[in-house]
Amino acid sequence: KRRMVYVGGKLRTVPAGPGSFLTTN
């Protein structure tokens, strides 16, 4: 369920819901 994007020189987790949307980098 966890999917990531490499951007800005880092792997970053794609928000999967409202909670993770608030904490995502």
PDB file of all heavy atoms in Angstrom:
ATOM      1  N   LYS A   1       0.830  -1.208   0.000  1.00  0.00           N
ATOM      2  CA  LYS A   1       0.000   0.000   0.000  1.00  0.00           C
ATOM      3  C   LYS A   1       0.866   1.261   0.000  1.00  0.00           C
ATOM      4  O   LYS A   1       0.435   2.324  -0.428  1.00  0.00           O
ATOM      5  CB  LYS A   1      -0.924   0.010   1.225  1.00  0.00           C
ATOM      6  CG  LYS A   1      -2.009  -1.057   1.179  1.00  0.00           C
ATOM      7  CD  LYS A   1      -2.876  -0.992   2.424  1.00  0.00           C
ATOM      8  CE  LYS A   1      -3.965  -2.056   2.384  1.00  0.00           C
ATOM      9  NZ  LYS A   1      -4.792  -2.038   3.616  1.00  0.00           N
ATOM     10  N   ARG A   2       2.078   1.113   0.490  1.00  0.00           N
ATOM     11  CA  ARG A   2       3.004   2.254   0.526  1.00  0.00           C
ATOM     12  C   ARG A   2       3.677   2.413  -0.842  1.00  0.00           C
ATOM     13  O   ARG A   2       4.291   1.489  -1.355  1.00  0.00           O
ATOM     14  CB  ARG A   2       4.056   2.029   1.606  1.00  0.00           C
ATOM     15  CG  ARG A   2       5.063   3.160   1.744  1.00  0.00           C
ATOM     16  CD  ARG A   2       6.080   2.793   2.810  1.00  0.00           C
ATOM     17  NE  ARG A   2       7.170   3.757   2.866  1.00  0.00           N
ATOM     18  CZ  ARG A   2       8.431   3.424   3.105  1.00  0.00           C
ATOM     19  NH1 ARG A   2       8.763   2.149   3.287  1.00  0.00           N
ATOM     20  NH2 ARG A   2       9.366   4.346   3.148  1.00  0.00           N
ATOM     21  N   ARG A   3       3.540   3.595  -1.406  1.00  0.00           N
ATOM     22  CA  ARG A   3       4.164   3.900  -2.693  1.00  0.00           C
ATOM     23  C   ARG A   3       4.973   5.178  -2.538  1.00  0.00           C
ATOM     24  O   ARG A   3       4.591   6.061  -1.778  1.00  0.00           O
ATOM     25  CB  ARG A   3       3.114   4.031  -3.793  1.00  0.00           C
ATOM     26  CG  ARG A   3       2.286   2.749  -3.905  1.00  0.00           C
ATOM     27  CD  ARG A   3       1.366   2.724  -5.053  1.00  0.00           C
ATOM     28  NE  ARG A   3       0.624   1.468  -5.082  1.00  0.00           N
ATOM     29  CZ  ARG A   3       0.344   0.785  -6.173  1.00  0.00           C
ATOM     30  NH1 ARG A   3       0.746   1.232  -7.351  1.00  0.00           N
ATOM     31  NH2 ARG A   3      -0.325  -0.346  -6.127  1.00  0.00           N
ATOM     32  N   MET A   4       6.061   5.246  -3.288  1.00  0.00           N
ATOM     33  CA  MET A   4       6.995   6.356  -3.076  1.00  0.00           C
ATOM     34  C   MET A   4       7.343   7.058  -4.383  1.00  0.00           C
ATOM     35  O   MET A   4       7.182   6.501  -5.467  1.00  0.00           O
ATOM     36  CB  MET A   4       8.261   5.828  -2.409  1.00  0.00           C
ATOM     37  CG  MET A   4       8.031   5.235  -1.030  1.00  0.00           C
ATOM     38  SD  MET A   4       9.544   4.591  -0.261  1.00  0.00           S
ATOM     39  CE  MET A   4       9.851   3.142  -1.273  1.00  0.00           C
ATOM     40  N   VAL A   5       7.811   8.284  -4.234  1.00  0.00           N
ATOM     41  CA  VAL A   5       8.328   9.079  -5.349  1.00  0.00           C
ATOM     42  C   VAL A   5       9.695   9.606  -4.949  1.00  0.00           C
ATOM     43  O   VAL A   5       9.874  10.083  -3.817  1.00  0.00           O
ATOM     44  CB  VAL A   5       7.391  10.263  -5.684  1.00  0.00           C
ATOM     45  CG1 VAL A   5       8.043  11.179  -6.722  1.00  0.00           C
ATOM     46  CG2 VAL A   5       6.053   9.761  -6.190  1.00  0.00           C
ATOM     47  N   TYR A   6      10.658   9.502  -5.842  1.00  0.00           N
ATOM     48  CA  TYR A   6      11.970  10.097  -5.609  1.00  0.00           C
ATOM     49  C   TYR A   6      11.953  11.493  -6.200  1.00  0.00           C
ATOM     50  O   TYR A   6      11.868  11.672  -7.420  1.00  0.00           O
ATOM     51  CB  TYR A   6      13.070   9.254  -6.263  1.00  0.00           C
ATOM     52  CG  TYR A   6      14.461   9.775  -5.983  1.00  0.00           C
ATOM     53  CD1 TYR A   6      15.083   9.528  -4.756  1.00  0.00           C
ATOM     54  CD2 TYR A   6      15.156  10.516  -6.939  1.00  0.00           C
ATOM     55  CE1 TYR A   6      16.361  10.011  -4.488  1.00  0.00           C
ATOM     56  CE2 TYR A   6      16.432  10.993  -6.679  1.00  0.00           C
ATOM     57  CZ  TYR A   6      17.032  10.733  -5.457  1.00  0.00           C
ATOM     58  OH  TYR A   6      18.297  11.207  -5.200  1.00  0.00           O
ATOM     59  N   VAL A   7      12.016  12.481  -5.333  1.00  0.00           N
ATOM     60  CA  VAL A   7      11.967  13.874  -5.767  1.00  0.00           C
ATOM     61  C   VAL A   7      12.711  14.716  -4.741  1.00  0.00           C
ATOM     62  O   VAL A   7      12.697  14.408  -3.539  1.00  0.00           O
ATOM     63  CB  VAL A   7      10.507  14.356  -5.936  1.00  0.00           C
ATOM     64  CG1 VAL A   7       9.749  14.362  -4.621  1.00  0.00           C
ATOM     65  CG2 VAL A   7      10.449  15.724  -6.599  1.00  0.00           C
ATOM     66  N   GLY A   8      13.400  15.749  -5.205  1.00  0.00           N
ATOM     67  CA  GLY A   8      14.168  16.573  -4.290  1.00  0.00           C
ATOM     68  C   GLY A   8      15.296  15.817  -3.630  1.00  0.00           C
ATOM     69  O   GLY A   8      15.683  16.120  -2.492  1.00  0.00           O
ATOM     70  N   GLY A   9      15.828  14.788  -4.340  1.00  0.00           N
ATOM     71  CA  GLY A   9      16.961  14.023  -3.825  1.00  0.00           C
ATOM     72  C   GLY A   9      16.629  13.036  -2.742  1.00  0.00           C
ATOM     73  O   GLY A   9      17.528  12.479  -2.096  1.00  0.00           O
ATOM     74  N   LYS A  10      15.320  12.739  -2.517  1.00  0.00           N
ATOM     75  CA  LYS A  10      14.926  11.797  -1.469  1.00  0.00           C
ATOM     76  C   LYS A  10      13.744  10.941  -1.924  1.00  0.00           C
ATOM     77  O   LYS A  10      12.939  11.368  -2.759  1.00  0.00           O
ATOM     78  CB  LYS A  10      14.501  12.543  -0.195  1.00  0.00           C
ATOM     79  CG  LYS A  10      15.608  13.279   0.520  1.00  0.00           C
ATOM     80  CD  LYS A  10      15.055  13.944   1.782  1.00  0.00           C
ATOM     81  CE  LYS A  10      16.150  14.698   2.523  1.00  0.00           C
ATOM     82  NZ  LYS A  10      15.612  15.363   3.751  1.00  0.00           N
ATOM     83  N   LEU A  11      13.650   9.751  -1.337  1.00  0.00           N
ATOM     84  CA  LEU A  11      12.439   8.943  -1.486  1.00  0.00           C
ATOM     85  C   LEU A  11      11.393   9.470  -0.518  1.00  0.00           C
ATOM     86  O   LEU A  11      11.657   9.597   0.688  1.00  0.00           O
ATOM     87  CB  LEU A  11      12.721   7.475  -1.177  1.00  0.00           C
ATOM     88  CG  LEU A  11      13.272   6.612  -2.310  1.00  0.00           C
ATOM     89  CD1 LEU A  11      13.577   5.205  -1.807  1.00  0.00           C
ATOM     90  CD2 LEU A  11      12.310   6.561  -3.491  1.00  0.00           C
ATOM     91  N   ARG A  12      10.200   9.759  -1.039  1.00  0.00           N
ATOM     92  CA  ARG A  12       9.131  10.318  -0.212  1.00  0.00           C
ATOM     93  C   ARG A  12       7.862   9.495  -0.425  1.00  0.00           C
ATOM     94  O   ARG A  12       7.529   9.143  -1.550  1.00  0.00           O
ATOM     95  CB  ARG A  12       8.903  11.787  -0.576  1.00  0.00           C
ATOM     96  CG  ARG A  12      10.179  12.635  -0.471  1.00  0.00           C
ATOM     97  CD  ARG A  12       9.987  14.017  -1.055  1.00  0.00           C
ATOM     98  NE  ARG A  12      11.249  14.717  -1.202  1.00  0.00           N
ATOM     99  CZ  ARG A  12      11.806  15.500  -0.274  1.00  0.00           C
ATOM    100  NH1 ARG A  12      11.178  15.673   0.892  1.00  0.00           N
ATOM    101  NH2 ARG A  12      12.961  16.099  -0.488  1.00  0.00           N
ATOM    102  N   THR A  13       7.167   9.218   0.676  1.00  0.00           N
ATOM    103  CA  THR A  13       5.975   8.377   0.611  1.00  0.00           C
ATOM    104  C   THR A  13       4.782   9.172   0.092  1.00  0.00           C
ATOM    105  O   THR A  13       4.526  10.295   0.545  1.00  0.00           O
ATOM    106  CB  THR A  13       5.651   7.806   2.006  1.00  0.00           C
ATOM    107  OG1 THR A  13       6.760   7.019   2.442  1.00  0.00           O
ATOM    108  CG2 THR A  13       4.405   6.937   1.961  1.00  0.00           C
ATOM    109  N   VAL A  14       4.063   8.584  -0.842  1.00  0.00           N
ATOM    110  CA  VAL A  14       2.856   9.209  -1.388  1.00  0.00           C
ATOM    111  C   VAL A  14       1.738   9.094  -0.355  1.00  0.00           C
ATOM    112  O   VAL A  14       1.490   8.000   0.166  1.00  0.00           O
ATOM    113  CB  VAL A  14       2.435   8.517  -2.703  1.00  0.00           C
ATOM    114  CG1 VAL A  14       1.118   9.089  -3.227  1.00  0.00           C
ATOM    115  CG2 VAL A  14       3.535   8.667  -3.749  1.00  0.00           C
ATOM    116  N   PRO A  15       1.058  10.173  -0.026  1.00  0.00           N
ATOM    117  CA  PRO A  15      -0.024  10.100   0.963  1.00  0.00           C
ATOM    118  C   PRO A  15      -1.107   9.108   0.535  1.00  0.00           C
ATOM    119  O   PRO A  15      -1.559   9.124  -0.603  1.00  0.00           O
ATOM    120  CB  PRO A  15      -0.576  11.526   0.998  1.00  0.00           C
ATOM    121  CG  PRO A  15       0.520  12.384   0.465  1.00  0.00           C
ATOM    122  CD  PRO A  15       1.250  11.546  -0.527  1.00  0.00           C
ATOM    123  N   ALA A  16      -1.508   8.256   1.462  1.00  0.00           N
ATOM    124  CA  ALA A  16      -2.536   7.260   1.161  1.00  0.00           C
ATOM    125  C   ALA A  16      -3.869   7.620   1.785  1.00  0.00           C
ATOM    126  O   ALA A  16      -4.866   6.926   1.587  1.00  0.00           O
ATOM    127  CB  ALA A  16      -2.086   5.886   1.662  1.00  0.00           C
ATOM    128  N   GLY A  17      -3.920   8.694   2.548  1.00  0.00           N
ATOM    129  CA  GLY A  17      -5.162   9.101   3.201  1.00  0.00           C
ATOM    130  C   GLY A  17      -4.967  10.424   3.913  1.00  0.00           C
ATOM    131  O   GLY A  17      -3.862  10.976   3.935  1.00  0.00           O
ATOM    132  N   PRO A  18      -6.031  10.957   4.530  1.00  0.00           N
ATOM    133  CA  PRO A  18      -5.957  12.272   5.187  1.00  0.00           C
ATOM    134  C   PRO A  18      -4.863  12.358   6.241  1.00  0.00           C
ATOM    135  O   PRO A  18      -4.153  13.358   6.331  1.00  0.00           O
ATOM    136  CB  PRO A  18      -7.346  12.433   5.814  1.00  0.00           C
ATOM    137  CG  PRO A  18      -8.236  11.556   4.993  1.00  0.00           C
ATOM    138  CD  PRO A  18      -7.390  10.395   4.573  1.00  0.00           C
ATOM    139  N   GLY A  19      -4.682  11.293   7.022  1.00  0.00           N
ATOM    140  CA  GLY A  19      -3.671  11.320   8.071  1.00  0.00           C
ATOM    141  C   GLY A  19      -2.268  11.444   7.511  1.00  0.00           C
ATOM    142  O   GLY A  19      -1.480  12.300   7.950  1.00  0.00           O
ATOM    143  N   SER A  20      -1.939  10.610   6.543  1.00  0.00           N
ATOM    144  CA  SER A  20      -0.598  10.657   5.957  1.00  0.00           C
ATOM    145  C   SER A  20      -0.409  11.911   5.118  1.00  0.00           C
ATOM    146  O   SER A  20       0.716  12.384   4.930  1.00  0.00           O
ATOM    147  CB  SER A  20      -0.345   9.409   5.112  1.00  0.00           C
ATOM    148  OG  SER A  20      -1.323   9.278   4.093  1.00  0.00           O
ATOM    149  N   PHE A  21      -1.503  12.479   4.620  1.00  0.00           N
ATOM    150  CA  PHE A  21      -1.423  13.722   3.859  1.00  0.00           C
ATOM    151  C   PHE A  21      -0.884  14.843   4.739  1.00  0.00           C
ATOM    152  O   PHE A  21      -0.102  15.686   4.306  1.00  0.00           O
ATOM    153  CB  PHE A  21      -2.805  14.086   3.316  1.00  0.00           C
ATOM    154  CG  PHE A  21      -2.873  15.421   2.641  1.00  0.00           C
ATOM    155  CD1 PHE A  21      -2.431  15.582   1.340  1.00  0.00           C
ATOM    156  CD2 PHE A  21      -3.380  16.531   3.306  1.00  0.00           C
ATOM    157  CE1 PHE A  21      -2.486  16.827   0.713  1.00  0.00           C
ATOM    158  CE2 PHE A  21      -3.441  17.767   2.700  1.00  0.00           C
ATOM    159  CZ  PHE A  21      -2.991  17.913   1.390  1.00  0.00           C
ATOM    160  N   LEU A  22      -1.272  14.842   6.005  1.00  0.00           N
ATOM    161  CA  LEU A  22      -0.836  15.899   6.910  1.00  0.00           C
ATOM    162  C   LEU A  22       0.644  15.775   7.256  1.00  0.00           C
ATOM    163  O   LEU A  22       1.319  16.780   7.496  1.00  0.00           O
ATOM    164  CB  LEU A  22      -1.667  15.857   8.200  1.00  0.00           C
ATOM    165  CG  LEU A  22      -3.155  16.206   8.054  1.00  0.00           C
ATOM    166  CD1 LEU A  22      -3.887  15.949   9.363  1.00  0.00           C
ATOM    167  CD2 LEU A  22      -3.326  17.662   7.618  1.00  0.00           C
ATOM    168  N   THR A  23       1.166  14.546   7.274  1.00  0.00           N
ATOM    169  CA  THR A  23       2.536  14.342   7.735  1.00  0.00           C
ATOM    170  C   THR A  23       3.540  14.126   6.606  1.00  0.00           C
ATOM    171  O   THR A  23       4.739  14.121   6.849  1.00  0.00           O
ATOM    172  CB  THR A  23       2.593  13.116   8.662  1.00  0.00           C
ATOM    173  OG1 THR A  23       2.127  11.951   7.958  1.00  0.00           O
ATOM    174  CG2 THR A  23       1.721  13.326   9.892  1.00  0.00           C
ATOM    175  N   THR A  24       3.084  13.968   5.378  1.00  0.00           N
ATOM    176  CA  THR A  24       4.004  13.666   4.282  1.00  0.00           C
ATOM    177  C   THR A  24       5.009  14.781   4.047  1.00  0.00           C
ATOM    178  O   THR A  24       4.697  15.969   4.216  1.00  0.00           O
ATOM    179  CB  THR A  24       3.234  13.395   2.973  1.00  0.00           C
ATOM    180  OG1 THR A  24       4.181  13.052   1.955  1.00  0.00           O
ATOM    181  CG2 THR A  24       2.474  14.624   2.507  1.00  0.00           C
ATOM    182  N   ASN A  25       6.224  14.391   3.637  1.00  0.00           N
ATOM    183  CA  ASN A  25       7.225  15.387   3.236  1.00  0.00           C
ATOM    184  C   ASN A  25       7.302  15.494   1.717  1.00  0.00           C
ATOM    185  O   ASN A  25       8.221  16.115   1.187  1.00  0.00           O
ATOM    186  CB  ASN A  25       8.602  15.044   3.811  1.00  0.00           C
ATOM    187  CG  ASN A  25       9.147  13.729   3.257  1.00  0.00           C
ATOM    188  OD1 ASN A  25       8.469  13.006   2.530  1.00  0.00           O
ATOM    189  ND2 ASN A  25      10.383  13.411   3.602  1.00  0.00           N
TER     190      ASN A  25
END
